[in-house]
Amino acid sequence: MEFLKVLAAALGAFAFGAVWYTALSKPWIAAAGLAVDANGKPQGNGSAMPFVVGILAMIVVAGMMRHIFQMSHIETLGAAAISGAGIGAFFVTPWLAMNYAFSMRKPALVFIDAGNVIAGCTIMGIILALF
């Protein structure tokens, strides 16, 4: 049952990310500095590998969040949502910002990716609390 909770939380965050990046694809591509083809799509697009890595990463994150929530006795919907948002905002986002600063990425990329991380971790927390 616990694995199903983790899987549901991972899928929820992954689905949100799909919507987020579909809506923000053009600014994200520009901020990431990706080369695009005549249709505005990233060149070399088509590999399934980012999606495989993405869902595996979401499962790992959701699994660790479940563990942290269990060890910390985070059980209510509100506590889980705030904790998830905090993990995204105060653990992951600063790390993204540091990595992007060292790789000379545009600041807009931090904001776009951080929005996904914070919302995704919040969604994971909510789903983990609901089941």
Foldseek 3Di string as FASTA:
>chain_A
DLLVLLLVLLVQLVVVVVVLCVVVVQVLCVQQVADADPVRHGPPPDDCVVVVVSSVVSSVVLVVLLVVCVVVVPAALVSLLVVLLCCLPPPVLVVVVVVCVVVVTHPVNSVSVSVSSNVSSSSSSNSSNVD
